[in-house]
PDB file of N, CA and C in Angstrom:
ATOM      1  N   UNK A   1     -14.397  51.569  17.432  1.00  0.00           N
ATOM      2  CA  UNK A   1     -14.611  50.478  16.505  1.00  0.00           C
ATOM      3  C   UNK A   1     -15.133  49.258  17.246  1.00  0.00           C
ATOM      4  N   UNK A   2     -16.058  48.632  16.653  1.00  0.00           N
ATOM      5  CA  UNK A   2     -16.657  47.433  17.238  1.00  0.00           C
ATOM      6  C   UNK A   2     -16.202  46.234  16.411  1.00  0.00           C
ATOM      7  N   UNK A   3     -15.635  45.244  17.086  1.00  0.00           N
ATOM      8  CA  UNK A   3     -15.187  44.036  16.407  1.00  0.00           C
ATOM      9  C   UNK A   3     -16.376  43.137  16.110  1.00  0.00           C
ATOM     10  N   UNK A   4     -16.379  42.515  14.941  1.00  0.00           N
ATOM     11  CA  UNK A   4     -17.491  41.607  14.639  1.00  0.00           C
ATOM     12  C   UNK A   4     -17.431  40.371  15.536  1.00  0.00           C
ATOM     13  N   UNK A   5     -18.584  39.942  15.979  1.00  0.00           N
ATOM     14  CA  UNK A   5     -18.630  38.777  16.854  1.00  0.00           C
ATOM     15  C   UNK A   5     -18.647  37.511  16.010  1.00  0.00           C
ATOM     16  N   UNK A   6     -17.824  36.552  16.428  1.00  0.00           N
ATOM     17  CA  UNK A   6     -17.759  35.274  15.720  1.00  0.00           C
ATOM     18  C   UNK A   6     -18.427  34.211  16.572  1.00  0.00           C
ATOM     19  N   UNK A   7     -19.119  33.305  15.949  1.00  0.00           N
ATOM     20  CA  UNK A   7     -19.740  32.231  16.736  1.00  0.00           C
ATOM     21  C   UNK A   7     -18.666  31.343  17.361  1.00  0.00           C
ATOM     22  N   UNK A   8     -18.953  30.805  18.513  1.00  0.00           N
ATOM     23  CA  UNK A   8     -17.994  29.962  19.236  1.00  0.00           C
ATOM     24  C   UNK A   8     -17.778  28.623  18.564  1.00  0.00           C
ATOM     25  N   UNK A   9     -18.643  28.257  17.643  1.00  0.00           N
ATOM     26  CA  UNK A   9     -18.528  26.960  17.003  1.00  0.00           C
ATOM     27  C   UNK A   9     -17.495  26.934  15.876  1.00  0.00           C
ATOM     28  N   UNK A  10     -16.903  28.092  15.546  1.00  0.00           N
ATOM     29  CA  UNK A  10     -15.894  28.118  14.493  1.00  0.00           C
ATOM     30  C   UNK A  10     -14.610  27.489  14.998  1.00  0.00           C
ATOM     31  N   UNK A  11     -14.127  26.484  14.284  1.00  0.00           N
ATOM     32  CA  UNK A  11     -12.881  25.825  14.657  1.00  0.00           C
ATOM     33  C   UNK A  11     -12.008  25.729  13.426  1.00  0.00           C
ATOM     34  N   UNK A  12     -10.727  25.575  13.663  1.00  0.00           N
ATOM     35  CA  UNK A  12      -9.824  25.341  12.534  1.00  0.00           C
ATOM     36  C   UNK A  12     -10.057  23.935  11.998  1.00  0.00           C
ATOM     37  N   UNK A  13      -9.836  23.767  10.719  1.00  0.00           N
ATOM     38  CA  UNK A  13     -10.001  22.442  10.141  1.00  0.00           C
ATOM     39  C   UNK A  13      -8.935  21.512  10.688  1.00  0.00           C
ATOM     40  N   UNK A  14      -9.279  20.243  10.791  1.00  0.00           N
ATOM     41  CA  UNK A  14      -8.372  19.262  11.377  1.00  0.00           C
ATOM     42  C   UNK A  14      -8.177  18.139  10.381  1.00  0.00           C
ATOM     43  N   UNK A  15      -6.920  17.847  10.034  1.00  0.00           N
ATOM     44  CA  UNK A  15      -6.658  16.845   9.011  1.00  0.00           C
ATOM     45  C   UNK A  15      -6.852  15.430   9.546  1.00  0.00           C
ATOM     46  N   UNK A  16      -6.389  15.186  10.770  1.00  0.00           N
ATOM     47  CA  UNK A  16      -6.501  13.851  11.346  1.00  0.00           C
ATOM     48  C   UNK A  16      -7.168  13.916  12.710  1.00  0.00           C
ATOM     49  N   UNK A  17      -7.903  12.873  13.024  1.00  0.00           N
ATOM     50  CA  UNK A  17      -8.624  12.805  14.290  1.00  0.00           C
ATOM     51  C   UNK A  17      -7.660  12.812  15.485  1.00  0.00           C
ATOM     52  N   UNK A  18      -6.493  12.196  15.326  1.00  0.00           N
ATOM     53  CA  UNK A  18      -5.544  12.110  16.443  1.00  0.00           C
ATOM     54  C   UNK A  18      -4.384  13.092  16.304  1.00  0.00           C
ATOM     55  N   UNK A  19      -4.417  13.957  15.298  1.00  0.00           N
ATOM     56  CA  UNK A  19      -3.334  14.925  15.127  1.00  0.00           C
ATOM     57  C   UNK A  19      -2.032  14.275  14.686  1.00  0.00           C
ATOM     58  N   UNK A  20      -2.091  13.062  14.155  1.00  0.00           N
ATOM     59  CA  UNK A  20      -0.883  12.373  13.709  1.00  0.00           C
ATOM     60  C   UNK A  20      -0.094  11.731  14.825  1.00  0.00           C
ATOM     61  N   UNK A  21      -0.685  11.634  16.004  1.00  0.00           N
ATOM     62  CA  UNK A  21       0.029  11.063  17.151  1.00  0.00           C
ATOM     63  C   UNK A  21      -0.888  10.103  17.899  1.00  0.00           C
ATOM     64  N   UNK A  22      -0.268   9.267  18.729  1.00  0.00           N
ATOM     65  CA  UNK A  22      -1.070   8.353  19.562  1.00  0.00           C
ATOM     66  C   UNK A  22      -0.714   8.570  21.026  1.00  0.00           C
ATOM     67  N   UNK A  23      -0.706   9.821  21.444  1.00  0.00           N
ATOM     68  CA  UNK A  23      -0.205  10.205  22.751  1.00  0.00           C
ATOM     69  C   UNK A  23      -1.324  10.395  23.766  1.00  0.00           C
ATOM     70  N   UNK A  24      -2.508   9.960  23.519  1.00  0.00           N
ATOM     71  CA  UNK A  24      -3.701  10.319  24.278  1.00  0.00           C
ATOM     72  C   UNK A  24      -3.496  10.268  25.784  1.00  0.00           C
ATOM     73  N   UNK A  25      -3.646  11.420  26.432  1.00  0.00           N
ATOM     74  CA  UNK A  25      -3.542  11.499  27.882  1.00  0.00           C
ATOM     75  C   UNK A  25      -2.130  11.711  28.396  1.00  0.00           C
ATOM     76  N   UNK A  26      -1.130  11.535  27.582  1.00  0.00           N
ATOM     77  CA  UNK A  26       0.251  11.730  28.017  1.00  0.00           C
ATOM     78  C   UNK A  26       0.713  13.111  27.583  1.00  0.00           C
ATOM     79  N   UNK A  27       1.447  13.769  28.412  1.00  0.00           N
ATOM     80  CA  UNK A  27       1.926  15.100  28.051  1.00  0.00           C
ATOM     81  C   UNK A  27       3.119  15.057  27.132  1.00  0.00           C
ATOM     82  N   UNK A  28       3.983  14.071  27.297  1.00  0.00           N
ATOM     83  CA  UNK A  28       5.223  14.019  26.534  1.00  0.00           C
ATOM     84  C   UNK A  28       5.615  12.565  26.305  1.00  0.00           C
ATOM     85  N   UNK A  29       6.191  12.287  25.147  1.00  0.00           N
ATOM     86  CA  UNK A  29       6.717  10.951  24.872  1.00  0.00           C
ATOM     87  C   UNK A  29       8.170  11.087  24.454  1.00  0.00           C
ATOM     88  N   UNK A  30       8.939  10.032  24.651  1.00  0.00           N
ATOM     89  CA  UNK A  30      10.362  10.115  24.369  1.00  0.00           C
ATOM     90  C   UNK A  30      10.635  10.144  22.878  1.00  0.00           C
ATOM     91  N   UNK A  31      11.818  10.611  22.517  1.00  0.00           N
ATOM     92  CA  UNK A  31      12.203  10.699  21.120  1.00  0.00           C
ATOM     93  C   UNK A  31      12.951   9.438  20.720  1.00  0.00           C
ATOM     94  N   UNK A  32      12.776   9.020  19.469  1.00  0.00           N
ATOM     95  CA  UNK A  32      13.477   7.857  18.933  1.00  0.00           C
ATOM     96  C   UNK A  32      14.247   8.289  17.691  1.00  0.00           C
ATOM     97  N   UNK A  33      15.193   7.468  17.261  1.00  0.00           N
ATOM     98  CA  UNK A  33      15.994   7.779  16.083  1.00  0.00           C
ATOM     99  C   UNK A  33      15.336   7.200  14.842  1.00  0.00           C
ATOM    100  N   UNK A  34      15.223   8.008  13.796  1.00  0.00           N
ATOM    101  CA  UNK A  34      14.727   7.525  12.510  1.00  0.00           C
ATOM    102  C   UNK A  34      15.800   6.629  11.906  1.00  0.00           C
ATOM    103  N   UNK A  35      15.397   5.480  11.384  1.00  0.00           N
ATOM    104  CA  UNK A  35      16.346   4.517  10.819  1.00  0.00           C
ATOM    105  C   UNK A  35      16.901   4.987   9.486  1.00  0.00           C
ATOM    106  N   UNK A  36      16.254   5.970   8.870  1.00  0.00           N
ATOM    107  CA  UNK A  36      16.657   6.397   7.536  1.00  0.00           C
ATOM    108  C   UNK A  36      17.507   7.662   7.561  1.00  0.00           C
ATOM    109  N   UNK A  37      17.067   8.686   8.319  1.00  0.00           N
ATOM    110  CA  UNK A  37      17.777   9.965   8.291  1.00  0.00           C
ATOM    111  C   UNK A  37      18.310  10.390   9.650  1.00  0.00           C
ATOM    112  N   UNK A  38      18.094   9.588  10.677  1.00  0.00           N
ATOM    113  CA  UNK A  38      18.596   9.833  12.032  1.00  0.00           C
ATOM    114  C   UNK A  38      18.031  11.095  12.667  1.00  0.00           C
ATOM    115  N   UNK A  39      16.860  11.581  12.213  1.00  0.00           N
ATOM    116  CA  UNK A  39      16.206  12.661  12.931  1.00  0.00           C
ATOM    117  C   UNK A  39      15.487  12.054  14.136  1.00  0.00           C
ATOM    118  N   UNK A  40      14.888  12.869  14.952  1.00  0.00           N
ATOM    119  CA  UNK A  40      14.308  12.374  16.200  1.00  0.00           C
ATOM    120  C   UNK A  40      12.809  12.644  16.269  1.00  0.00           C
ATOM    121  N   UNK A  41      11.989  11.771  15.686  1.00  0.00           N
ATOM    122  CA  UNK A  41      10.538  11.941  15.868  1.00  0.00           C
ATOM    123  C   UNK A  41      10.122  11.415  17.241  1.00  0.00           C
ATOM    124  N   UNK A  42       8.988  11.876  17.719  1.00  0.00           N
ATOM    125  CA  UNK A  42       8.450  11.348  18.971  1.00  0.00           C
ATOM    126  C   UNK A  42       8.035   9.901  18.755  1.00  0.00           C
ATOM    127  N   UNK A  43       8.151   9.096  19.802  1.00  0.00           N
ATOM    128  CA  UNK A  43       7.891   7.661  19.667  1.00  0.00           C
ATOM    129  C   UNK A  43       6.458   7.373  19.233  1.00  0.00           C
ATOM    130  N   UNK A  44       5.503   8.172  19.684  1.00  0.00           N
ATOM    131  CA  UNK A  44       4.115   7.925  19.309  1.00  0.00           C
ATOM    132  C   UNK A  44       3.806   8.401  17.895  1.00  0.00           C
ATOM    133  N   UNK A  45       4.601   9.297  17.354  1.00  0.00           N
ATOM    134  CA  UNK A  45       4.369   9.800  16.000  1.00  0.00           C
ATOM    135  C   UNK A  45       5.116   8.981  14.951  1.00  0.00           C
ATOM    136  N   UNK A  46       6.213   8.355  15.346  1.00  0.00           N
ATOM    137  CA  UNK A  46       7.048   7.609  14.402  1.00  0.00           C
ATOM    138  C   UNK A  46       6.304   6.400  13.857  1.00  0.00           C
ATOM    139  N   UNK A  47       6.642   6.023  12.630  1.00  0.00           N
ATOM    140  CA  UNK A  47       6.086   4.826  12.012  1.00  0.00           C
ATOM    141  C   UNK A  47       6.985   3.661  12.403  1.00  0.00           C
ATOM    142  N   UNK A  48       6.400   2.620  13.000  1.00  0.00           N
ATOM    143  CA  UNK A  48       7.177   1.524  13.565  1.00  0.00           C
ATOM    144  C   UNK A  48       7.018   0.264  12.716  1.00  0.00           C
ATOM    145  N   UNK A  49       8.120  -0.391  12.443  1.00  0.00           N
ATOM    146  CA  UNK A  49       8.092  -1.651  11.699  1.00  0.00           C
ATOM    147  C   UNK A  49       9.013  -2.643  12.385  1.00  0.00           C
ATOM    148  N   UNK A  50       8.493  -3.841  12.663  1.00  0.00           N
ATOM    149  CA  UNK A  50       9.278  -4.909  13.282  1.00  0.00           C
ATOM    150  C   UNK A  50       9.745  -5.828  12.164  1.00  0.00           C
ATOM    151  N   UNK A  51      11.054  -6.008  12.044  1.00  0.00           N
ATOM    152  CA  UNK A  51      11.625  -6.750  10.923  1.00  0.00           C
ATOM    153  C   UNK A  51      12.295  -8.019  11.436  1.00  0.00           C
ATOM    154  N   UNK A  52      11.974  -9.144  10.806  1.00  0.00           N
ATOM    155  CA  UNK A  52      12.593 -10.431  11.121  1.00  0.00           C
ATOM    156  C   UNK A  52      13.307 -10.904   9.864  1.00  0.00           C
ATOM    157  N   UNK A  53      14.609 -11.091   9.951  1.00  0.00           N
ATOM    158  CA  UNK A  53      15.391 -11.538   8.804  1.00  0.00           C
ATOM    159  C   UNK A  53      16.273 -12.705   9.213  1.00  0.00           C
ATOM    160  N   UNK A  54      16.699 -13.494   8.216  1.00  0.00           N
ATOM    161  CA  UNK A  54      17.663 -14.541   8.479  1.00  0.00           C
ATOM    162  C   UNK A  54      19.041 -13.916   8.654  1.00  0.00           C
ATOM    163  N   UNK A  55      19.854 -14.522   9.521  1.00  0.00           N
ATOM    164  CA  UNK A  55      21.220 -14.027   9.698  1.00  0.00           C
ATOM    165  C   UNK A  55      22.060 -14.289   8.462  1.00  0.00           C
ATOM    166  N   UNK A  56      21.720 -15.335   7.734  1.00  0.00           N
ATOM    167  CA  UNK A  56      22.499 -15.738   6.570  1.00  0.00           C
ATOM    168  C   UNK A  56      21.662 -15.503   5.326  1.00  0.00           C
ATOM    169  N   UNK A  57      22.278 -15.007   4.265  1.00  0.00           N
ATOM    170  CA  UNK A  57      21.531 -14.803   3.027  1.00  0.00           C
ATOM    171  C   UNK A  57      21.195 -16.151   2.390  1.00  0.00           C
ATOM    172  N   UNK A  58      20.242 -16.136   1.469  1.00  0.00           N
ATOM    173  CA  UNK A  58      19.719 -17.382   0.922  1.00  0.00           C
ATOM    174  C   UNK A  58      20.746 -18.154   0.104  1.00  0.00           C
ATOM    175  N   UNK A  59      21.738 -17.458  -0.468  1.00  0.00           N
ATOM    176  CA  UNK A  59      22.769 -18.155  -1.242  1.00  0.00           C
ATOM    177  C   UNK A  59      23.638 -19.041  -0.374  1.00  0.00           C
ATOM    178  N   UNK A  60      24.018 -18.538   0.802  1.00  0.00           N
ATOM    179  CA  UNK A  60      24.870 -19.309   1.704  1.00  0.00           C
ATOM    180  C   UNK A  60      24.079 -20.275   2.573  1.00  0.00           C
ATOM    181  N   UNK A  61      22.759 -20.125   2.590  1.00  0.00           N
ATOM    182  CA  UNK A  61      21.933 -20.978   3.444  1.00  0.00           C
ATOM    183  C   UNK A  61      22.022 -22.439   3.045  1.00  0.00           C
ATOM    184  N   UNK A  62      22.010 -22.727   1.732  1.00  0.00           N
ATOM    185  CA  UNK A  62      22.108 -24.119   1.273  1.00  0.00           C
ATOM    186  C   UNK A  62      23.474 -24.721   1.601  1.00  0.00           C
ATOM    187  N   UNK A  63      24.544 -23.919   1.504  1.00  0.00           N
ATOM    188  CA  UNK A  63      25.878 -24.419   1.852  1.00  0.00           C
ATOM    189  C   UNK A  63      25.964 -24.775   3.327  1.00  0.00           C
ATOM    190  N   UNK A  64      25.377 -23.969   4.171  1.00  0.00           N
ATOM    191  CA  UNK A  64      25.411 -24.228   5.615  1.00  0.00           C
ATOM    192  C   UNK A  64      24.585 -25.469   5.949  1.00  0.00           C
ATOM    193  N   UNK A  65      23.428 -25.604   5.305  1.00  0.00           N
ATOM    194  CA  UNK A  65      22.602 -26.797   5.565  1.00  0.00           C
ATOM    195  C   UNK A  65      23.301 -28.068   5.119  1.00  0.00           C
ATOM    196  N   UNK A  66      24.067 -28.008   4.033  1.00  0.00           N
ATOM    197  CA  UNK A  66      24.791 -29.183   3.562  1.00  0.00           C
ATOM    198  C   UNK A  66      25.966 -29.516   4.480  1.00  0.00           C
ATOM    199  N   UNK A  67      26.567 -28.501   5.091  1.00  0.00           N
ATOM    200  CA  UNK A  67      27.752 -28.723   5.919  1.00  0.00           C
ATOM    201  C   UNK A  67      27.433 -29.049   7.374  1.00  0.00           C
ATOM    202  N   UNK A  68      26.213 -28.812   7.816  1.00  0.00           N
ATOM    203  CA  UNK A  68      25.890 -29.019   9.217  1.00  0.00           C
ATOM    204  C   UNK A  68      25.688 -30.502   9.525  1.00  0.00           C
ATOM    205  N   UNK A  69      26.022 -30.895  10.760  1.00  0.00           N
ATOM    206  CA  UNK A  69      25.882 -32.286  11.176  1.00  0.00           C
ATOM    207  C   UNK A  69      24.471 -32.566  11.695  1.00  0.00           C
ATOM    208  N   UNK A  70      23.781 -31.528  12.159  1.00  0.00           N
ATOM    209  CA  UNK A  70      22.434 -31.702  12.699  1.00  0.00           C
ATOM    210  C   UNK A  70      21.419 -31.558  11.575  1.00  0.00           C
ATOM    211  N   UNK A  71      20.446 -32.433  11.576  1.00  0.00           N
ATOM    212  CA  UNK A  71      19.464 -32.407  10.486  1.00  0.00           C
ATOM    213  C   UNK A  71      18.419 -31.315  10.667  1.00  0.00           C
ATOM    214  N   UNK A  72      17.867 -31.211  11.861  1.00  0.00           N
ATOM    215  CA  UNK A  72      16.767 -30.272  12.092  1.00  0.00           C
ATOM    216  C   UNK A  72      17.232 -28.996  12.769  1.00  0.00           C
ATOM    217  N   UNK A  73      18.402 -28.504  12.420  1.00  0.00           N
ATOM    218  CA  UNK A  73      18.916 -27.280  13.028  1.00  0.00           C
ATOM    219  C   UNK A  73      18.352 -26.065  12.290  1.00  0.00           C
ATOM    220  N   UNK A  74      17.743 -25.158  13.038  1.00  0.00           N
ATOM    221  CA  UNK A  74      17.239 -23.922  12.439  1.00  0.00           C
ATOM    222  C   UNK A  74      18.187 -22.792  12.807  1.00  0.00           C
ATOM    223  N   UNK A  75      18.571 -22.026  11.830  1.00  0.00           N
ATOM    224  CA  UNK A  75      19.468 -20.900  12.062  1.00  0.00           C
ATOM    225  C   UNK A  75      18.744 -19.792  12.819  1.00  0.00           C
ATOM    226  N   UNK A  76      19.450 -19.085  13.690  1.00  0.00           N
ATOM    227  CA  UNK A  76      18.791 -17.980  14.404  1.00  0.00           C
ATOM    228  C   UNK A  76      18.447 -16.842  13.446  1.00  0.00           C
ATOM    229  N   UNK A  77      17.453 -16.063  13.846  1.00  0.00           N
ATOM    230  CA  UNK A  77      17.007 -14.949  13.026  1.00  0.00           C
ATOM    231  C   UNK A  77      17.449 -13.632  13.646  1.00  0.00           C
ATOM    232  N   UNK A  78      17.390 -12.585  12.845  1.00  0.00           N
ATOM    233  CA  UNK A  78      17.798 -11.251  13.251  1.00  0.00           C
ATOM    234  C   UNK A  78      16.525 -10.423  13.440  1.00  0.00           C
ATOM    235  N   UNK A  79      16.248 -10.024  14.684  1.00  0.00           N
ATOM    236  CA  UNK A  79      15.046  -9.272  15.008  1.00  0.00           C
ATOM    237  C   UNK A  79      15.417  -7.821  15.271  1.00  0.00           C
ATOM    238  N   UNK A  80      14.734  -6.889  14.624  1.00  0.00           N
ATOM    239  CA  UNK A  80      14.994  -5.466  14.872  1.00  0.00           C
ATOM    240  C   UNK A  80      13.698  -4.680  14.706  1.00  0.00           C
ATOM    241  N   UNK A  81      13.588  -3.594  15.447  1.00  0.00           N
ATOM    242  CA  UNK A  81      12.442  -2.709  15.329  1.00  0.00           C
ATOM    243  C   UNK A  81      12.935  -1.384  14.779  1.00  0.00           C
ATOM    244  N   UNK A  82      12.407  -0.994  13.637  1.00  0.00           N
ATOM    245  CA  UNK A  82      12.811   0.251  12.995  1.00  0.00           C
ATOM    246  C   UNK A  82      11.753   1.314  13.223  1.00  0.00           C
ATOM    247  N   UNK A  83      12.221   2.523  13.507  1.00  0.00           N
ATOM    248  CA  UNK A  83      11.353   3.688  13.615  1.00  0.00           C
ATOM    249  C   UNK A  83      11.672   4.605  12.442  1.00  0.00           C
ATOM    250  N   UNK A  84      10.642   5.158  11.800  1.00  0.00           N
ATOM    251  CA  UNK A  84      10.830   6.082  10.692  1.00  0.00           C
ATOM    252  C   UNK A  84      10.077   7.364  10.997  1.00  0.00           C
ATOM    253  N   UNK A  85      10.660   8.522  10.612  1.00  0.00           N
ATOM    254  CA  UNK A  85       9.879   9.753  10.653  1.00  0.00           C
ATOM    255  C   UNK A  85       8.896   9.701   9.490  1.00  0.00           C
ATOM    256  N   UNK A  86       7.886  10.550   9.507  1.00  0.00           N
ATOM    257  CA  UNK A  86       6.816  10.482   8.508  1.00  0.00           C
ATOM    258  C   UNK A  86       7.357  10.719   7.108  1.00  0.00           C
ATOM    259  N   UNK A  87       8.254  11.698   6.952  1.00  0.00           N
ATOM    260  CA  UNK A  87       8.757  12.015   5.614  1.00  0.00           C
ATOM    261  C   UNK A  87       9.596  10.876   5.050  1.00  0.00           C
ATOM    262  N   UNK A  88      10.406  10.216   5.869  1.00  0.00           N
ATOM    263  CA  UNK A  88      11.214   9.093   5.388  1.00  0.00           C
ATOM    264  C   UNK A  88      10.347   7.876   5.093  1.00  0.00           C
ATOM    265  N   UNK A  89       9.305   7.650   5.888  1.00  0.00           N
ATOM    266  CA  UNK A  89       8.416   6.512   5.655  1.00  0.00           C
ATOM    267  C   UNK A  89       7.668   6.671   4.336  1.00  0.00           C
ATOM    268  N   UNK A  90       7.261   7.885   4.016  1.00  0.00           N
ATOM    269  CA  UNK A  90       6.581   8.127   2.743  1.00  0.00           C
ATOM    270  C   UNK A  90       7.578   8.027   1.601  1.00  0.00           C
ATOM    271  N   UNK A  91       8.773   8.581   1.794  1.00  0.00           N
ATOM    272  CA  UNK A  91       9.784   8.581   0.742  1.00  0.00           C
ATOM    273  C   UNK A  91      10.256   7.171   0.400  1.00  0.00           C
ATOM    274  N   UNK A  92      10.449   6.340   1.419  1.00  0.00           N
ATOM    275  CA  UNK A  92      10.938   4.984   1.170  1.00  0.00           C
ATOM    276  C   UNK A  92       9.792   3.973   1.031  1.00  0.00           C
ATOM    277  N   UNK A  93       8.567   4.461   0.889  1.00  0.00           N
ATOM    278  CA  UNK A  93       7.369   3.663   0.626  1.00  0.00           C
ATOM    279  C   UNK A  93       7.048   2.645   1.712  1.00  0.00           C
ATOM    280  N   UNK A  94       7.380   2.977   2.949  1.00  0.00           N
ATOM    281  CA  UNK A  94       6.952   2.141   4.072  1.00  0.00           C
ATOM    282  C   UNK A  94       5.447   2.322   4.272  1.00  0.00           C
ATOM    283  N   UNK A  95       4.983   3.558   4.149  1.00  0.00           N
ATOM    284  CA  UNK A  95       3.554   3.871   4.155  1.00  0.00           C
ATOM    285  C   UNK A  95       3.237   4.665   2.894  1.00  0.00           C
ATOM    286  N   UNK A  96       1.974   4.678   2.501  1.00  0.00           N
ATOM    287  CA  UNK A  96       1.561   5.379   1.291  1.00  0.00           C
ATOM    288  C   UNK A  96       0.663   6.557   1.658  1.00  0.00           C
ATOM    289  N   UNK A  97       0.609   7.530   0.783  1.00  0.00           N
ATOM    290  CA  UNK A  97      -0.301   8.651   0.947  1.00  0.00           C
ATOM    291  C   UNK A  97      -1.707   8.155   0.625  1.00  0.00           C
ATOM    292  N   UNK A  98      -2.673   8.506   1.480  1.00  0.00           N
ATOM    293  CA  UNK A  98      -4.054   8.071   1.261  1.00  0.00           C
ATOM    294  C   UNK A  98      -4.951   9.287   1.054  1.00  0.00           C
ATOM    295  N   UNK A  99      -6.051   9.083   0.349  1.00  0.00           N
ATOM    296  CA  UNK A  99      -6.998  10.160   0.089  1.00  0.00           C
ATOM    297  C   UNK A  99      -7.730  10.523   1.376  1.00  0.00           C
ATOM    298  N   UNK A 100      -8.477  11.608   1.323  1.00  0.00           N
ATOM    299  CA  UNK A 100      -9.202  12.077   2.505  1.00  0.00           C
ATOM    300  C   UNK A 100     -10.183  11.028   3.005  1.00  0.00           C
ATOM    301  N   UNK A 101     -10.885  10.383   2.103  1.00  0.00           N
ATOM    302  CA  UNK A 101     -11.842   9.352   2.503  1.00  0.00           C
ATOM    303  C   UNK A 101     -11.126   8.109   3.017  1.00  0.00           C
ATOM    304  N   UNK A 102     -10.030   7.735   2.391  1.00  0.00           N
ATOM    305  CA  UNK A 102      -9.298   6.529   2.813  1.00  0.00           C
ATOM    306  C   UNK A 102      -8.617   6.728   4.154  1.00  0.00           C
ATOM    307  N   UNK A 103      -8.318   7.984   4.527  1.00  0.00           N
ATOM    308  CA  UNK A 103      -7.692   8.261   5.820  1.00  0.00           C
ATOM    309  C   UNK A 103      -8.613   7.947   6.984  1.00  0.00           C
ATOM    310  N   UNK A 104      -9.915   7.957   6.719  1.00  0.00           N
ATOM    311  CA  UNK A 104     -10.881   7.703   7.789  1.00  0.00           C
ATOM    312  C   UNK A 104     -11.045   6.221   8.082  1.00  0.00           C
ATOM    313  N   UNK A 105     -10.526   5.360   7.214  1.00  0.00           N
ATOM    314  CA  UNK A 105     -10.584   3.916   7.436  1.00  0.00           C
ATOM    315  C   UNK A 105      -9.509   3.555   8.456  1.00  0.00           C
ATOM    316  N   UNK A 106      -9.936   3.038   9.602  1.00  0.00           N
ATOM    317  CA  UNK A 106      -9.008   2.819  10.697  1.00  0.00           C
ATOM    318  C   UNK A 106      -8.585   1.366  10.870  1.00  0.00           C
ATOM    319  N   UNK A 107      -9.086   0.461  10.038  1.00  0.00           N
ATOM    320  CA  UNK A 107      -8.687  -0.943  10.150  1.00  0.00           C
ATOM    321  C   UNK A 107      -7.429  -1.180   9.314  1.00  0.00           C
ATOM    322  N   UNK A 108      -6.593  -2.087   9.763  1.00  0.00           N
ATOM    323  CA  UNK A 108      -5.370  -2.410   9.046  1.00  0.00           C
ATOM    324  C   UNK A 108      -5.692  -3.219   7.797  1.00  0.00           C
ATOM    325  N   UNK A 109      -4.972  -2.979   6.707  1.00  0.00           N
ATOM    326  CA  UNK A 109      -5.186  -3.818   5.527  1.00  0.00           C
ATOM    327  C   UNK A 109      -4.661  -5.220   5.777  1.00  0.00           C
ATOM    328  N   UNK A 110      -5.254  -6.207   5.110  1.00  0.00           N
ATOM    329  CA  UNK A 110      -4.814  -7.601   5.292  1.00  0.00           C
ATOM    330  C   UNK A 110      -3.438  -7.783   4.699  1.00  0.00           C
ATOM    331  N   UNK A 111      -2.589  -8.477   5.440  1.00  0.00           N
ATOM    332  CA  UNK A 111      -1.243  -8.769   4.934  1.00  0.00           C
ATOM    333  C   UNK A 111      -1.265 -10.073   4.173  1.00  0.00           C
ATOM    334  N   UNK A 112      -0.510 -10.116   3.094  1.00  0.00           N
ATOM    335  CA  UNK A 112      -0.387 -11.352   2.328  1.00  0.00           C
ATOM    336  C   UNK A 112       0.726 -12.193   2.921  1.00  0.00           C
ATOM    337  N   UNK A 113       0.348 -13.277   3.533  1.00  0.00           N
ATOM    338  CA  UNK A 113       1.327 -14.191   4.126  1.00  0.00           C
ATOM    339  C   UNK A 113       1.660 -15.276   3.126  1.00  0.00           C
ATOM    340  N   UNK A 114       2.936 -15.651   3.094  1.00  0.00           N
ATOM    341  CA  UNK A 114       3.324 -16.764   2.224  1.00  0.00           C
ATOM    342  C   UNK A 114       2.867 -18.070   2.833  1.00  0.00           C
ATOM    343  N   UNK A 115       2.317 -18.936   2.006  1.00  0.00           N
ATOM    344  CA  UNK A 115       1.886 -20.236   2.494  1.00  0.00           C
ATOM    345  C   UNK A 115       3.103 -21.143   2.606  1.00  0.00           C
ATOM    346  N   UNK A 116       3.219 -21.904   3.691  1.00  0.00           N
ATOM    347  CA  UNK A 116       4.364 -22.805   3.823  1.00  0.00           C
ATOM    348  C   UNK A 116       4.334 -23.891   2.753  1.00  0.00           C
ATOM    349  N   UNK A 117       5.487 -24.152   2.177  1.00  0.00           N
ATOM    350  CA  UNK A 117       5.598 -25.155   1.119  1.00  0.00           C
ATOM    351  C   UNK A 117       5.764 -26.517   1.767  1.00  0.00           C
ATOM    352  N   UNK A 118       4.888 -27.466   1.416  1.00  0.00           N
ATOM    353  CA  UNK A 118       4.980 -28.808   1.983  1.00  0.00           C
ATOM    354  C   UNK A 118       5.971 -29.618   1.158  1.00  0.00           C
ATOM    355  N   UNK A 119       6.913 -30.238   1.854  1.00  0.00           N
ATOM    356  CA  UNK A 119       7.895 -31.095   1.170  1.00  0.00           C
ATOM    357  C   UNK A 119       7.302 -32.479   1.025  1.00  0.00           C
ATOM    358  N   UNK A 120       7.285 -32.952  -0.192  1.00  0.00           N
ATOM    359  CA  UNK A 120       6.751 -34.281  -0.445  1.00  0.00           C
ATOM    360  C   UNK A 120       7.802 -35.335  -0.133  1.00  0.00           C
ATOM    361  N   UNK A 121       7.365 -36.411   0.482  1.00  0.00           N
ATOM    362  CA  UNK A 121       8.280 -37.498   0.811  1.00  0.00           C
ATOM    363  C   UNK A 121       8.689 -38.200  -0.470  1.00  0.00           C
ATOM    364  N   UNK A 122       9.988 -38.394  -0.600  1.00  0.00           N
ATOM    365  CA  UNK A 122      10.484 -39.069  -1.834  1.00  0.00           C
ATOM    366  C   UNK A 122      10.089 -40.536  -1.805  1.00  0.00           C
ATOM    367  N   UNK A 123       9.563 -41.004  -2.912  1.00  0.00           N
ATOM    368  CA  UNK A 123       9.093 -42.400  -2.988  1.00  0.00           C
ATOM    369  C   UNK A 123      10.234 -43.246  -3.548  1.00  0.00           C
ATOM    370  N   UNK A 124      10.630 -44.202  -2.753  1.00  0.00           N
ATOM    371  CA  UNK A 124      11.692 -45.119  -3.208  1.00  0.00           C
ATOM    372  C   UNK A 124      11.045 -46.455  -3.533  1.00  0.00           C
ATOM    373  N   UNK A 125      10.897 -46.743  -4.815  1.00  0.00           N
ATOM    374  CA  UNK A 125      10.255 -47.987  -5.217  1.00  0.00           C
ATOM    375  C   UNK A 125      11.063 -48.655  -6.306  1.00  0.00           C
TER     376      UNK A 125
END
């Protein structure tokens, strides 16, 4: 029996250009804990989000500002970096599923930043 010859240019289809990872040139990357389900995705494959929150919720913030002796005291913030596995990031809507054409767009979407509210000086007349 003679096997049919296949051209060398036949390749398997590839969904993503980077294979879903950013490990280029490295053989292995360390594992991190998913913040949602505690599984261990590779650090380059995990979806990373840096979160900055106030230590105090907004309800108690006004009470603390009224009770403090310092006028321009800013409360410290809570900084944390969360790693998510792909399934948890999609499930909790950290990232969205994109179409085949939209997957090829490699630029980040613009983030909507809140504009700082200017406090008007009270007029005493």
